[in-house]
N, C-alpha and C. Protein backbone atom coordinates (compact mmCIF):
# COMPACT_ATOMS: atom_id res chain seq x y z
N UNK A 1 0.83 -1.09 0.27
CA UNK A 1 -0.01 -0.02 0.30
C UNK A 1 0.79 1.36 -0.31
N UNK A 2 0.63 2.17 -0.56
CA UNK A 2 1.40 3.28 -0.92
C UNK A 2 1.03 4.50 -0.06
N UNK A 3 1.98 5.08 1.07
CA UNK A 3 1.60 6.01 1.92
C UNK A 3 1.27 7.26 1.19
N UNK A 4 0.11 7.84 1.90
CA UNK A 4 -0.69 9.11 1.67
C UNK A 4 0.02 10.24 2.82
N UNK A 5 -0.18 11.60 2.23
CA UNK A 5 0.12 12.48 2.97
C UNK A 5 -0.65 12.48 4.52
N UNK A 6 -2.03 12.09 4.16
CA UNK A 6 -2.71 11.84 5.42
C UNK A 6 -2.34 10.96 6.51
N UNK A 7 -1.79 9.82 5.80
CA UNK A 7 -1.61 8.82 6.82
C UNK A 7 0.21 9.00 7.45
N UNK A 8 0.99 9.83 6.62
CA UNK A 8 2.13 10.31 7.21
C UNK A 8 1.88 11.21 8.47
N UNK A 9 0.90 12.04 8.37
CA UNK A 9 0.70 12.96 9.22
C UNK A 9 0.03 12.38 10.33
N UNK A 10 -0.75 11.34 10.35
CA UNK A 10 -1.33 10.63 11.43
C UNK A 10 -0.31 9.70 11.97
N UNK A 11 0.58 9.21 11.42
CA UNK A 11 1.49 8.34 11.90
C UNK A 11 2.71 9.36 12.76
N UNK A 12 3.03 10.45 12.31
CA UNK A 12 3.84 11.38 12.77
C UNK A 12 3.01 11.90 14.24
N UNK A 13 1.52 12.06 14.41
CA UNK A 13 0.96 12.45 15.37
C UNK A 13 0.98 11.42 16.55
N UNK A 14 0.82 10.38 16.12
CA UNK A 14 0.98 8.99 16.90
C UNK A 14 2.26 9.18 17.56
N UNK A 15 3.30 9.30 16.90
CA UNK A 15 4.70 9.15 17.29
C UNK A 15 4.92 10.26 18.40
N UNK A 16 4.43 11.40 18.29
CA UNK A 16 4.75 12.72 19.25
C UNK A 16 3.78 12.40 20.61
N UNK A 17 2.61 11.63 20.37
CA UNK A 17 1.94 11.41 21.32
C UNK A 17 2.51 10.13 22.19
N UNK A 18 3.10 9.33 21.37
CA UNK A 18 3.76 8.22 22.09
C UNK A 18 4.81 8.68 22.90
N UNK A 19 5.68 9.43 22.20
CA UNK A 19 6.87 10.08 23.04
C UNK A 19 6.66 10.88 24.26
N UNK A 20 5.41 12.10 23.93
CA UNK A 20 5.05 12.65 25.25
C UNK A 20 4.45 11.90 26.42
N UNK A 21 3.80 10.69 25.78
CA UNK A 21 3.45 9.95 27.28
C UNK A 21 4.13 8.76 27.74
N UNK A 22 5.35 8.64 26.90
CA UNK A 22 6.39 7.85 27.48
C UNK A 22 6.68 8.10 29.17
N UNK A 23 6.83 6.99 29.85
CA UNK A 23 6.99 7.04 31.36
C UNK A 23 8.73 7.11 31.21
N UNK A 24 9.44 6.39 30.88
CA UNK A 24 10.62 6.07 30.47
C UNK A 24 11.21 6.34 29.36
N UNK A 25 12.37 6.83 28.86
CA UNK A 25 13.26 7.03 27.68
C UNK A 25 14.19 6.02 27.23
N UNK A 26 13.35 5.08 26.13
CA UNK A 26 14.36 4.07 25.91
C UNK A 26 15.33 4.42 24.80
N UNK A 27 16.72 4.65 25.30
CA UNK A 27 17.12 5.10 23.78
C UNK A 27 17.06 4.58 22.47
N UNK A 28 17.08 3.22 22.72
CA UNK A 28 16.83 2.62 21.53
C UNK A 28 15.19 2.56 20.60
N UNK A 29 14.58 2.90 21.63
CA UNK A 29 13.10 3.09 21.28
C UNK A 29 12.91 4.57 20.57
N UNK A 30 13.61 5.54 21.21
CA UNK A 30 13.62 6.97 20.91
C UNK A 30 14.54 7.09 19.48
N UNK A 31 15.44 6.51 19.45
CA UNK A 31 15.99 6.51 18.26
C UNK A 31 15.40 6.13 16.99
N UNK A 32 14.58 5.02 17.06
CA UNK A 32 13.67 4.32 16.06
C UNK A 32 12.62 5.38 15.80
N UNK A 33 12.14 5.82 16.67
CA UNK A 33 10.84 6.74 16.51
C UNK A 33 11.42 8.06 15.75
N UNK A 34 12.59 8.60 16.37
CA UNK A 34 13.06 9.91 15.79
C UNK A 34 13.40 9.44 14.04
N UNK A 35 14.10 8.38 13.90
CA UNK A 35 14.35 8.09 12.57
C UNK A 35 12.86 8.15 11.75
N UNK A 36 11.99 7.20 12.13
CA UNK A 36 10.68 7.23 11.46
C UNK A 36 10.35 8.51 11.18
N UNK A 37 10.24 9.36 12.38
CA UNK A 37 9.54 10.77 12.00
C UNK A 37 10.31 11.52 11.15
N UNK A 38 11.75 11.34 10.85
CA UNK A 38 12.34 12.09 9.84
C UNK A 38 11.81 11.69 8.64
N UNK A 39 11.64 10.12 8.35
CA UNK A 39 11.43 9.72 7.14
C UNK A 39 10.05 10.49 6.90
N UNK A 40 9.30 10.42 7.89
CA UNK A 40 7.67 10.84 7.60
C UNK A 40 7.58 12.41 7.05
N UNK A 41 8.78 13.11 7.78
CA UNK A 41 8.59 14.36 7.71
C UNK A 41 9.38 14.98 6.08
N UNK A 42 10.14 14.25 5.53
CA UNK A 42 10.71 13.93 4.39
C UNK A 42 9.81 13.72 3.24
N UNK A 43 9.02 12.67 3.56
CA UNK A 43 7.90 12.42 2.50
C UNK A 43 6.89 13.49 2.62
N UNK A 44 6.55 13.85 3.76
CA UNK A 44 5.58 15.16 3.64
C UNK A 44 5.89 16.70 2.85
N UNK A 45 7.22 16.75 3.07
CA UNK A 45 7.87 17.87 2.52
C UNK A 45 7.82 17.79 0.92
N UNK A 46 8.26 16.61 0.74
CA UNK A 46 8.38 16.52 -0.88
C UNK A 46 6.66 16.56 -1.52
N UNK A 47 5.84 15.87 -0.74
CA UNK A 47 4.64 15.53 -1.37
C UNK A 47 3.87 17.31 -1.58
N UNK A 48 4.11 18.37 -0.36
CA UNK A 48 3.92 19.41 -0.39
C UNK A 48 4.73 20.10 -1.64
N UNK A 49 5.55 20.07 -1.51
CA UNK A 49 6.36 20.51 -2.94
C UNK A 49 6.03 20.20 -4.08
N UNK A 50 5.63 18.94 -4.44
CA UNK A 50 4.90 18.32 -5.64
C UNK A 50 3.71 18.93 -5.82
N UNK A 51 3.05 19.29 -4.79
CA UNK A 51 1.77 19.79 -5.03
C UNK A 51 1.87 21.36 -5.30
N UNK A 52 2.72 21.94 -4.81
CA UNK A 52 2.86 23.31 -4.96
C UNK A 52 3.26 23.74 -6.50
N UNK A 53 4.55 22.85 -6.89
CA UNK A 53 4.87 22.85 -8.27
C UNK A 53 3.52 22.57 -9.47
N UNK A 54 2.98 21.46 -9.07
CA UNK A 54 1.48 21.23 -9.69
C UNK A 54 0.56 22.19 -10.02
N UNK A 55 0.40 22.94 -8.89
CA UNK A 55 -0.70 24.06 -8.58
C UNK A 55 -0.33 25.36 -9.58
N UNK A 56 1.29 25.48 -9.29
CA UNK A 56 2.09 26.57 -10.23
C UNK A 56 1.84 26.32 -11.53
N UNK A 57 1.99 24.84 -12.34
CA UNK A 57 1.70 24.77 -13.52
C UNK A 57 0.25 24.94 -13.89
N UNK A 58 -0.72 24.63 -13.13
CA UNK A 58 -2.12 24.75 -13.43
C UNK A 58 -2.56 26.06 -13.53
N UNK A 59 -1.87 27.21 -12.37
CA UNK A 59 -2.08 28.66 -12.81
C UNK A 59 -1.55 29.07 -13.79
N UNK A 60 -0.35 28.64 -14.26
CA UNK A 60 0.40 29.14 -15.47
C UNK A 60 -0.24 29.00 -16.86
N UNK A 61 -0.93 27.64 -16.78
CA UNK A 61 -1.81 27.48 -17.91
C UNK A 61 -3.13 28.12 -17.94
N UNK A 62 -4.08 28.34 -16.74
CA UNK A 62 -5.08 29.50 -16.51
C UNK A 62 -4.83 30.71 -17.42
N UNK A 63 -3.50 31.24 -17.03
CA UNK A 63 -2.97 32.78 -16.98
C UNK A 63 -2.91 32.93 -18.93
N UNK A 64 -2.53 31.78 -19.36
CA UNK A 64 -2.22 31.76 -20.85
C UNK A 64 -3.32 31.44 -21.67
């Protein structure tokens, strides 16, 4: 299944809640969560950039 922007944001929110609610900080667990969050953030950033580029193209076509 292909990851969507909405799914990525949802997973990021889950990571934040899990980290906020953690009673103990397990460095291995923390490291894995931070790595996954970085991957999700990069994915979301790319999705937003791609969407912005598509919108710019559409606006250019409308203006011409």
